[in-house]
Amino acid sequence: MSIGENIRKYRTMKNFSLEDLALKARIGVHRLESYEKDEVEPELDTILKISTVLDIPASELMEFEKEDHQIDKELEDLIFAIGIKRSKLILKKAKDFSERDVLKAMNLLYGLETEKK
């Protein structure tokens, strides 16, 4: 489980609403929601605040189930083709965008590609 999934799990176990936990931990409701959806990873001090309110050790929130992180062959080939540095730059930036924003960017890139032809 991710930190966000752990926050949601313990929040619901304690019968706290998003608003209850946000108020008691002194963080915004939308911010807490973004943590639970794994859109943003909370800072350590925020994890400590949340764990204090939920009355659990912070390590419980930060505990992960190990997943098999095999990269599929197509992705590996693409990374190799454009280079690791460029791949990292693209992926680091892509994680800051919503899926909708990424689709808009892809449409823009496809438009540039057709202009070249």
Protein backbone atom coordinates (compact mmCIF):
# COMPACT_ATOMS: atom_id res chain seq x y z
CA MET A 1 0.00 0.00 0.00
CA SER A 2 1.10 3.57 -0.62
CA ILE A 3 1.24 6.35 1.97
CA GLY A 4 -2.03 7.73 0.59
CA GLU A 5 -3.76 4.36 0.80
CA ASN A 6 -2.47 3.94 4.36
CA ILE A 7 -3.75 7.38 5.38
CA ARG A 8 -7.19 6.58 3.97
CA LYS A 9 -7.21 3.12 5.58
CA TYR A 10 -6.39 4.41 9.08
CA ARG A 11 -8.64 7.47 8.70
CA THR A 12 -11.63 5.27 7.89
CA MET A 13 -10.70 2.81 10.66
CA LYS A 14 -10.88 5.73 13.13
CA ASN A 15 -14.18 6.89 11.57
CA PHE A 16 -12.75 10.28 10.63
CA SER A 17 -14.07 12.15 7.63
CA LEU A 18 -11.59 13.93 5.39
CA GLU A 19 -12.68 17.18 7.01
CA ASP A 20 -12.18 15.81 10.55
CA LEU A 21 -8.65 14.64 9.90
CA ALA A 22 -7.70 17.76 7.93
CA LEU A 23 -8.94 20.02 10.73
CA LYS A 24 -7.23 18.07 13.51
CA ALA A 25 -3.95 17.75 11.56
CA ARG A 26 -4.17 21.41 10.47
CA ILE A 27 -3.92 20.73 6.76
CA GLY A 28 -6.29 21.59 3.95
CA VAL A 29 -9.01 19.15 2.96
CA HIS A 30 -7.99 19.27 -0.71
CA ARG A 31 -4.36 18.69 0.26
CA LEU A 32 -5.32 15.67 2.37
CA GLU A 33 -7.42 14.37 -0.49
CA SER A 34 -4.45 14.72 -2.86
CA TYR A 35 -2.33 12.70 -0.41
CA GLU A 36 -4.95 9.95 -0.26
CA LYS A 37 -5.18 9.84 -4.06
CA ASP A 38 -1.36 9.64 -4.27
CA GLU A 39 -1.27 12.79 -6.38
CA VAL A 40 1.16 14.38 -3.90
CA GLU A 41 3.42 12.72 -1.36
CA PRO A 42 3.25 14.38 2.07
CA GLU A 43 6.34 15.80 3.74
CA LEU A 44 7.64 13.97 6.80
CA ASP A 45 6.33 16.63 9.21
CA THR A 46 2.86 16.24 7.67
CA ILE A 47 3.06 12.46 8.05
CA LEU A 48 3.95 13.00 11.71
CA LYS A 49 0.96 15.32 12.22
CA ILE A 50 -1.41 12.85 10.58
CA SER A 51 -0.02 9.89 12.54
CA THR A 52 -0.38 11.83 15.79
CA VAL A 53 -4.03 12.62 15.09
CA LEU A 54 -4.70 9.02 14.05
CA ASP A 55 -2.80 7.80 17.12
CA ILE A 56 -0.57 5.43 15.17
CA PRO A 57 3.20 5.33 14.58
CA ALA A 58 4.32 7.28 11.51
CA SER A 59 6.01 4.09 10.31
CA GLU A 60 2.54 2.56 9.86
CA LEU A 61 1.69 5.25 7.30
CA MET A 62 5.00 4.85 5.52
CA GLU A 63 4.88 1.06 5.31
CA PHE A 64 4.71 -0.22 1.76
CA GLU A 65 3.83 -3.57 0.31
CA LYS A 66 6.54 -4.45 -2.14
CA GLU A 67 5.34 -4.61 -5.70
CA ASP A 68 7.01 -6.22 -8.67
CA HIS A 69 8.42 -3.29 -10.62
CA GLN A 70 9.27 -5.01 -13.87
CA ILE A 71 9.52 -2.56 -16.76
CA ASP A 72 7.80 -3.88 -19.84
CA LYS A 73 9.91 -4.42 -22.93
CA GLU A 74 8.35 -1.59 -24.98
CA LEU A 75 9.02 0.95 -22.24
CA GLU A 76 12.57 -0.30 -21.83
CA ASP A 77 13.15 0.03 -25.60
CA LEU A 78 11.74 3.57 -25.61
CA ILE A 79 13.96 4.63 -22.71
CA PHE A 80 16.96 3.19 -24.50
CA ALA A 81 15.97 4.89 -27.78
CA ILE A 82 15.63 8.42 -26.37
CA GLY A 83 18.24 8.06 -23.64
CA ILE A 84 18.02 7.76 -19.89
CA LYS A 85 18.57 11.48 -19.19
CA ARG A 86 15.79 12.60 -21.56
CA SER A 87 13.51 9.85 -20.25
CA LYS A 88 14.04 10.98 -16.66
CA LEU A 89 13.37 14.62 -17.56
CA ILE A 90 10.15 13.73 -19.36
CA LEU A 91 8.90 11.37 -16.65
CA LYS A 92 9.73 13.74 -13.79
CA LYS A 93 7.74 16.48 -15.48
CA ALA A 94 4.90 14.14 -16.47
CA LYS A 95 4.24 13.12 -12.87
CA ASP A 96 3.34 16.76 -12.07
CA PHE A 97 0.49 16.72 -14.59
CA SER A 98 -2.94 15.16 -14.58
CA GLU A 99 -3.79 12.55 -17.20
CA ARG A 100 -5.83 15.18 -19.02
CA ASP A 101 -2.83 17.55 -19.15
CA VAL A 102 -0.61 14.77 -20.49
CA LEU A 103 -3.15 14.03 -23.24
CA LYS A 104 -3.21 17.73 -24.18
CA ALA A 105 0.59 17.75 -24.36
CA MET A 106 0.56 14.61 -26.50
CA ASN A 107 -1.92 16.21 -28.91
CA LEU A 108 0.37 19.23 -29.12
CA LEU A 109 3.37 16.98 -29.86
CA TYR A 110 1.44 15.09 -32.53
CA GLY A 111 0.49 18.44 -34.07
CA LEU A 112 4.16 19.45 -34.24
CA GLU A 113 5.01 16.11 -35.83
CA THR A 114 2.43 16.54 -38.61
CA GLU A 115 3.66 20.11 -39.30
CA LYS A 116 7.13 18.70 -40.06
CA LYS A 117 5.72 16.42 -42.78
